[in-house]
N, C-alpha and C. Protein backbone atom coordinates (compact mmCIF):
# COMPACT_ATOMS: atom_id res chain seq x y z
N MET A 1 31.01 -7.36 19.35
CA MET A 1 30.17 -8.03 20.41
C MET A 1 29.36 -7.01 21.30
N LYS A 2 30.21 -5.98 21.67
CA LYS A 2 29.57 -4.97 22.46
C LYS A 2 28.51 -4.27 21.71
N ASN A 3 28.70 -3.90 20.53
CA ASN A 3 27.59 -3.28 19.72
C ASN A 3 26.40 -4.17 19.55
N THR A 4 26.64 -5.41 19.34
CA THR A 4 25.49 -6.34 19.19
C THR A 4 24.59 -6.45 20.55
N LEU A 5 25.33 -6.45 21.63
CA LEU A 5 24.66 -6.53 22.90
C LEU A 5 23.85 -5.13 23.08
N HIS A 6 24.49 -4.08 22.88
CA HIS A 6 23.85 -2.72 23.10
C HIS A 6 22.72 -2.57 22.04
N ASP A 7 22.89 -2.83 20.86
CA ASP A 7 21.89 -2.65 19.84
C ASP A 7 20.58 -3.61 20.13
N THR A 8 20.90 -4.81 20.44
CA THR A 8 19.83 -5.86 20.82
C THR A 8 19.10 -5.32 22.02
N CYS A 9 19.74 -4.96 23.08
CA CYS A 9 19.03 -4.50 24.32
C CYS A 9 18.31 -3.25 24.14
N VAL A 10 18.83 -2.30 23.44
CA VAL A 10 18.11 -1.07 23.34
C VAL A 10 16.90 -1.23 22.40
N THR A 11 17.05 -1.98 21.26
CA THR A 11 15.92 -2.17 20.46
C THR A 11 14.87 -3.00 21.11
N THR A 12 15.20 -4.02 21.90
CA THR A 12 14.30 -4.73 22.65
C THR A 12 13.61 -3.94 23.61
N MET A 13 14.22 -3.04 24.34
CA MET A 13 13.57 -2.27 25.40
C MET A 13 12.55 -1.17 24.71
N VAL A 14 13.10 -0.64 23.64
CA VAL A 14 12.17 0.28 22.86
C VAL A 14 10.89 -0.39 22.45
N LEU A 15 11.01 -1.54 21.83
CA LEU A 15 9.77 -2.38 21.42
C LEU A 15 8.94 -2.75 22.59
N ALA A 16 9.52 -3.06 23.74
CA ALA A 16 8.88 -3.39 25.05
C ALA A 16 8.06 -2.13 25.45
N ILE A 17 8.58 -1.07 25.44
CA ILE A 17 8.01 0.17 25.90
C ILE A 17 6.84 0.58 24.91
N VAL A 18 7.07 0.41 23.66
CA VAL A 18 6.01 0.66 22.69
C VAL A 18 4.80 -0.40 23.01
N SER A 19 5.19 -1.63 23.14
CA SER A 19 4.06 -2.65 23.35
C SER A 19 3.48 -2.40 24.63
N ALA A 20 4.17 -1.94 25.67
CA ALA A 20 3.49 -1.52 26.91
C ALA A 20 2.49 -0.46 26.82
N LEU A 21 2.85 0.63 25.99
CA LEU A 21 1.96 1.74 25.77
C LEU A 21 0.73 1.24 25.06
N ILE A 22 0.84 0.41 24.12
CA ILE A 22 -0.30 -0.25 23.42
C ILE A 22 -1.11 -1.09 24.40
N LEU A 23 -0.45 -1.91 25.13
CA LEU A 23 -1.24 -2.82 26.06
C LEU A 23 -1.91 -1.96 27.12
N ASN A 24 -1.26 -0.90 27.61
CA ASN A 24 -1.75 -0.04 28.54
C ASN A 24 -3.09 0.61 28.07
N TRP A 25 -3.04 0.94 26.86
CA TRP A 25 -4.24 1.47 26.19
C TRP A 25 -5.36 0.56 25.91
N LEU A 26 -4.90 -0.64 25.32
CA LEU A 26 -5.97 -1.63 24.92
C LEU A 26 -6.35 -2.57 26.01
N VAL A 27 -5.44 -3.04 26.87
CA VAL A 27 -5.76 -4.23 27.79
C VAL A 27 -5.82 -3.63 29.12
N SER A 28 -4.61 -3.52 29.86
CA SER A 28 -4.62 -3.09 31.18
C SER A 28 -3.28 -2.52 31.52
N PRO A 29 -3.12 -1.84 32.52
CA PRO A 29 -1.77 -1.38 32.96
C PRO A 29 -0.97 -2.62 33.60
N ALA A 30 -1.59 -3.61 34.00
CA ALA A 30 -0.99 -4.73 34.59
C ALA A 30 -0.26 -5.63 33.46
N ALA A 31 -0.76 -5.66 32.40
CA ALA A 31 -0.23 -6.20 31.15
C ALA A 31 0.96 -5.32 30.71
N ALA A 32 0.80 -4.20 30.72
CA ALA A 32 1.90 -3.20 30.26
C ALA A 32 3.08 -3.37 31.24
N ALA A 33 2.81 -3.42 32.66
CA ALA A 33 3.88 -3.55 33.51
C ALA A 33 4.57 -4.94 33.35
N GLY A 34 3.84 -5.99 33.03
CA GLY A 34 4.47 -7.32 32.84
C GLY A 34 5.36 -7.33 31.68
N ILE A 35 5.00 -6.74 30.56
CA ILE A 35 5.93 -6.73 29.37
C ILE A 35 7.25 -6.06 29.78
N VAL A 36 7.22 -4.82 30.36
CA VAL A 36 8.39 -4.10 30.72
C VAL A 36 9.27 -4.81 31.69
N LEU A 37 8.55 -5.32 32.78
CA LEU A 37 9.41 -6.04 33.73
C LEU A 37 10.05 -7.22 33.27
N GLY A 38 9.42 -8.08 32.41
CA GLY A 38 9.95 -9.21 31.79
C GLY A 38 11.04 -8.91 30.77
N ALA A 39 10.84 -7.84 30.09
CA ALA A 39 11.91 -7.35 28.99
C ALA A 39 13.20 -6.90 29.70
N VAL A 40 12.96 -6.17 30.86
CA VAL A 40 14.17 -5.71 31.63
C VAL A 40 15.02 -6.92 31.97
N PHE A 41 14.40 -7.93 32.60
CA PHE A 41 15.11 -9.03 33.08
C PHE A 41 15.73 -9.90 31.88
N SER A 42 15.00 -9.86 30.79
CA SER A 42 15.48 -10.53 29.56
C SER A 42 16.80 -9.80 29.11
N ALA A 43 16.77 -8.54 29.05
CA ALA A 43 17.99 -7.75 28.60
C ALA A 43 19.12 -8.07 29.62
N LEU A 44 18.82 -8.00 30.87
CA LEU A 44 19.83 -8.32 31.88
C LEU A 44 20.42 -9.76 31.71
N ASN A 45 19.58 -10.65 31.48
CA ASN A 45 20.09 -12.04 31.20
C ASN A 45 20.94 -12.03 29.95
N PHE A 46 20.60 -11.31 28.89
CA PHE A 46 21.34 -11.27 27.67
C PHE A 46 22.71 -10.64 27.98
N ILE A 47 22.79 -9.53 28.81
CA ILE A 47 23.99 -8.95 29.07
C ILE A 47 24.90 -9.84 29.98
N LEU A 48 24.37 -10.62 30.76
CA LEU A 48 25.12 -11.52 31.76
C LEU A 48 25.79 -12.74 31.02
N ILE A 49 25.37 -13.00 29.91
CA ILE A 49 25.76 -14.35 29.11
C ILE A 49 27.23 -14.13 28.83
N PRO A 50 27.70 -13.14 28.15
CA PRO A 50 29.21 -13.05 27.81
C PRO A 50 29.89 -12.71 29.06
N LEU A 51 29.53 -12.20 30.13
CA LEU A 51 30.34 -11.99 31.26
C LEU A 51 30.76 -13.25 31.90
N GLY A 52 29.88 -14.23 31.80
CA GLY A 52 30.25 -15.53 32.27
C GLY A 52 31.34 -16.23 31.51
N TRP A 53 31.44 -15.97 30.11
CA TRP A 53 32.45 -16.57 29.32
C TRP A 53 33.86 -16.35 29.69
N ARG A 54 33.95 -14.97 30.21
CA ARG A 54 35.41 -14.52 30.61
C ARG A 54 35.93 -15.42 31.78
N PHE A 55 35.05 -15.80 32.60
CA PHE A 55 35.57 -16.67 33.79
C PHE A 55 35.78 -18.09 33.40
N CYS A 56 34.96 -18.58 32.43
CA CYS A 56 35.02 -19.98 32.00
C CYS A 56 36.15 -20.09 31.05
N LEU A 57 36.52 -19.22 30.24
CA LEU A 57 37.70 -19.41 29.24
C LEU A 57 39.07 -19.36 30.00
N ALA A 58 39.09 -18.75 31.14
CA ALA A 58 40.34 -18.59 31.88
C ALA A 58 40.54 -19.74 32.88
N ALA A 59 39.77 -20.65 32.86
CA ALA A 59 39.85 -21.79 33.91
C ALA A 59 40.19 -23.10 33.24
N ASP A 60 40.59 -24.02 34.10
CA ASP A 60 40.81 -25.43 33.53
C ASP A 60 39.49 -26.05 33.29
N ARG A 61 39.36 -27.23 32.77
CA ARG A 61 38.12 -27.79 32.19
C ARG A 61 37.23 -28.03 33.48
N LYS A 62 37.68 -28.60 34.59
CA LYS A 62 36.75 -28.88 35.66
C LYS A 62 36.12 -27.57 36.23
N ARG A 63 37.03 -26.58 36.45
CA ARG A 63 36.62 -25.33 37.02
C ARG A 63 35.61 -24.52 36.01
N ALA A 64 36.04 -24.62 34.74
CA ALA A 64 35.13 -24.03 33.68
C ALA A 64 33.70 -24.68 33.59
N SER A 65 33.62 -26.08 33.84
CA SER A 65 32.35 -26.70 33.76
C SER A 65 31.54 -26.19 35.02
N ALA A 66 32.17 -26.09 36.11
CA ALA A 66 31.51 -25.63 37.43
C ALA A 66 31.04 -24.20 37.26
N LEU A 67 31.89 -23.39 36.70
CA LEU A 67 31.53 -22.01 36.50
C LEU A 67 30.44 -21.87 35.44
N SER A 68 30.48 -22.60 34.35
CA SER A 68 29.34 -22.58 33.46
C SER A 68 28.03 -23.01 34.02
N LEU A 69 27.97 -24.02 34.85
CA LEU A 69 26.87 -24.46 35.51
C LEU A 69 26.25 -23.39 36.47
N ALA A 70 27.20 -22.84 37.25
CA ALA A 70 26.85 -21.77 38.21
C ALA A 70 26.29 -20.52 37.42
N SER A 71 26.85 -20.24 36.30
CA SER A 71 26.30 -19.13 35.41
C SER A 71 24.98 -19.37 35.02
N ILE A 72 24.76 -20.63 34.49
CA ILE A 72 23.32 -20.89 34.01
C ILE A 72 22.25 -20.92 35.11
N VAL A 73 22.67 -21.53 36.19
CA VAL A 73 21.62 -21.52 37.39
C VAL A 73 21.41 -20.09 37.89
N GLY A 74 22.50 -19.33 37.99
CA GLY A 74 22.36 -17.88 38.40
C GLY A 74 21.39 -17.15 37.50
N ARG A 75 21.57 -17.28 36.21
CA ARG A 75 20.74 -16.55 35.20
C ARG A 75 19.33 -17.06 35.30
N TYR A 76 19.06 -18.32 35.54
CA TYR A 76 17.74 -18.91 35.68
C TYR A 76 17.07 -18.24 37.00
N LEU A 77 17.79 -18.14 37.97
CA LEU A 77 17.43 -17.62 39.22
C LEU A 77 17.00 -16.06 38.99
N ILE A 78 17.84 -15.38 38.23
CA ILE A 78 17.45 -14.05 37.99
C ILE A 78 16.22 -13.90 37.17
N LEU A 79 16.08 -14.79 36.20
CA LEU A 79 14.93 -14.87 35.37
C LEU A 79 13.57 -15.31 36.17
N SER A 80 13.80 -15.95 37.25
CA SER A 80 12.68 -16.41 38.09
C SER A 80 12.01 -15.27 38.91
N LEU A 81 12.86 -14.18 39.22
CA LEU A 81 12.49 -13.13 40.01
C LEU A 81 11.17 -12.35 39.53
N PRO A 82 11.17 -12.02 38.30
CA PRO A 82 9.96 -11.38 37.75
C PRO A 82 8.70 -12.22 37.79
N LEU A 83 8.95 -13.52 37.51
CA LEU A 83 7.74 -14.39 37.56
C LEU A 83 7.23 -14.71 38.89
N VAL A 84 8.04 -14.70 39.80
CA VAL A 84 7.60 -14.89 41.20
C VAL A 84 6.83 -13.68 41.74
N PHE A 85 7.51 -12.49 41.37
CA PHE A 85 6.90 -11.21 41.71
C PHE A 85 5.50 -11.06 41.02
N SER A 86 5.36 -11.34 39.70
CA SER A 86 4.15 -11.26 39.07
C SER A 86 3.07 -12.34 39.52
N ALA A 87 3.49 -13.47 39.88
CA ALA A 87 2.62 -14.41 40.36
C ALA A 87 1.98 -14.00 41.71
N ASN A 88 2.76 -13.26 42.58
CA ASN A 88 2.26 -12.67 43.85
C ASN A 88 1.63 -11.33 43.81
N SER A 89 1.57 -10.66 42.61
CA SER A 89 1.07 -9.36 42.51
C SER A 89 -0.01 -9.17 41.61
N SER A 90 -1.03 -8.42 42.04
CA SER A 90 -2.18 -8.11 41.07
C SER A 90 -1.87 -6.87 40.16
N ARG A 91 -0.75 -6.27 40.36
CA ARG A 91 -0.43 -5.10 39.57
C ARG A 91 0.32 -5.48 38.31
N VAL A 92 0.83 -6.77 38.25
CA VAL A 92 1.60 -7.20 37.18
C VAL A 92 1.02 -8.48 36.76
N SER A 93 0.85 -8.57 35.35
CA SER A 93 0.34 -9.74 34.65
C SER A 93 1.46 -10.81 34.58
N PHE A 94 1.09 -12.03 35.00
CA PHE A 94 1.99 -13.17 34.94
C PHE A 94 2.29 -13.53 33.41
N LEU A 95 1.20 -13.60 32.66
CA LEU A 95 1.42 -13.93 31.27
C LEU A 95 2.26 -13.10 30.45
N THR A 96 2.03 -11.77 30.64
CA THR A 96 2.83 -10.74 29.87
C THR A 96 4.26 -10.67 30.33
N THR A 97 4.46 -10.93 31.66
CA THR A 97 5.79 -11.01 32.25
C THR A 97 6.54 -12.25 31.56
N ALA A 98 5.90 -13.37 31.39
CA ALA A 98 6.50 -14.49 30.82
C ALA A 98 6.84 -14.19 29.33
N VAL A 99 5.94 -13.46 28.61
CA VAL A 99 6.24 -13.03 27.29
C VAL A 99 7.45 -11.97 27.27
N GLY A 100 7.41 -11.13 28.13
CA GLY A 100 8.55 -10.13 28.26
C GLY A 100 9.86 -10.81 28.53
N ILE A 101 9.88 -11.91 29.25
CA ILE A 101 11.11 -12.57 29.44
C ILE A 101 11.79 -13.16 28.20
N MET A 102 10.84 -13.35 27.26
CA MET A 102 11.32 -13.89 26.05
C MET A 102 11.54 -12.82 24.86
N ALA A 103 11.57 -11.64 25.43
CA ALA A 103 11.59 -10.44 24.50
C ALA A 103 12.93 -10.38 23.69
N VAL A 104 14.04 -10.65 24.25
CA VAL A 104 15.23 -10.66 23.50
C VAL A 104 15.31 -11.80 22.39
N GLN A 105 14.82 -12.93 22.82
CA GLN A 105 14.79 -14.13 21.87
C GLN A 105 13.83 -13.81 20.82
N ILE A 106 12.61 -13.32 21.11
CA ILE A 106 11.70 -12.85 20.09
C ILE A 106 12.26 -11.91 19.10
N TYR A 107 12.99 -10.91 19.65
CA TYR A 107 13.56 -9.88 18.77
C TYR A 107 14.59 -10.52 17.94
N LEU A 108 15.51 -11.36 18.47
CA LEU A 108 16.65 -12.00 17.61
C LEU A 108 16.06 -12.84 16.47
N ILE A 109 14.92 -13.64 16.77
CA ILE A 109 14.40 -14.49 15.85
C ILE A 109 13.65 -13.65 14.74
N ALA A 110 12.91 -12.62 15.17
CA ALA A 110 12.27 -11.71 14.19
C ALA A 110 13.35 -11.01 13.23
N SER A 111 14.39 -10.50 13.90
CA SER A 111 15.40 -9.84 13.13
C SER A 111 16.04 -10.78 12.13
N HIS A 112 16.30 -11.91 12.48
CA HIS A 112 16.92 -12.99 11.56
C HIS A 112 15.86 -13.28 10.45
N ALA A 113 14.55 -13.41 10.80
CA ALA A 113 13.54 -13.74 9.78
C ALA A 113 13.48 -12.59 8.79
N ALA A 114 13.47 -11.34 9.34
CA ALA A 114 13.38 -10.22 8.48
C ALA A 114 14.53 -10.10 7.52
N GLY A 115 15.76 -10.47 7.96
CA GLY A 115 16.87 -10.49 7.11
C GLY A 115 16.80 -11.54 5.97
N LYS A 116 16.32 -12.73 6.38
CA LYS A 116 16.08 -13.82 5.39
C LYS A 116 14.97 -13.41 4.39
N LEU A 117 14.00 -12.79 4.89
CA LEU A 117 12.92 -12.33 4.03
C LEU A 117 13.27 -11.28 2.92
N LYS A 118 14.18 -10.34 3.44
CA LYS A 118 14.72 -9.30 2.61
C LYS A 118 15.71 -9.95 1.49
N LEU A 119 16.45 -11.08 1.95
CA LEU A 119 17.28 -11.74 1.01
C LEU A 119 16.49 -12.34 -0.01
N ALA A 120 15.45 -13.05 0.35
CA ALA A 120 14.64 -13.84 -0.64
C ALA A 120 13.89 -12.87 -1.60
N LEU A 121 13.46 -11.77 -1.16
CA LEU A 121 12.64 -10.83 -1.84
C LEU A 121 13.46 -9.96 -2.80
N PHE A 122 14.64 -9.41 -2.20
CA PHE A 122 15.33 -8.50 -2.94
C PHE A 122 16.78 -9.00 -3.37
N GLY A 123 17.07 -10.16 -2.86
CA GLY A 123 18.39 -10.78 -3.32
C GLY A 123 19.60 -10.08 -2.69
N GLU A 124 19.48 -9.39 -1.63
CA GLU A 124 20.60 -8.80 -1.02
C GLU A 124 20.54 -8.99 0.50
N THR A 125 21.65 -8.85 1.27
CA THR A 125 21.66 -8.94 2.57
C THR A 125 21.44 -7.59 3.31
N ARG A 126 21.44 -7.56 4.59
CA ARG A 126 21.17 -6.22 5.32
C ARG A 126 22.20 -5.23 4.99
N LYS A 127 23.45 -5.75 4.68
CA LYS A 127 24.51 -4.74 4.47
C LYS A 127 24.59 -4.28 2.94
N GLY A 128 23.61 -4.71 2.24
CA GLY A 128 23.58 -4.36 0.78
C GLY A 128 24.46 -5.24 -0.17
N GLU A 129 24.92 -6.28 0.34
CA GLU A 129 25.68 -7.23 -0.50
C GLU A 129 24.83 -8.14 -1.33
N SER A 130 25.10 -8.30 -2.54
CA SER A 130 24.35 -9.16 -3.32
C SER A 130 24.78 -10.60 -3.24
N ILE A 131 23.89 -11.55 -3.37
CA ILE A 131 24.26 -13.02 -3.24
C ILE A 131 24.58 -13.53 -4.62
N LYS A 132 24.45 -12.84 -5.63
CA LYS A 132 24.64 -13.25 -7.13
C LYS A 132 26.13 -13.46 -7.43
């Protein structure tokens, strides 16, 4: 689990920085700043998800439900911070911040689709296992 979190966050941030460099060159520095800001908070949100599980699993049902709800609300509040900042700032694009917030989800979907495409084209999984 730790490796998946680390690999996903590192890859997402590398892709966000590369995207930011391209956006800085083609569009504007505000768009580049939005992508990076959103991706940082997206990775933070992704890291916080399993941390909440530890508390929920150790509690009774009523307490676990309350902790789960608090975890979700807390993570949404954290994700709202870059949106509020970008809405009030001319140095950060609101649209690219919103896209950056979805960076981890976009990466996970693209990674899964790439694995399925490789399976369909070559008949093997990412680990080199054949499905035959």
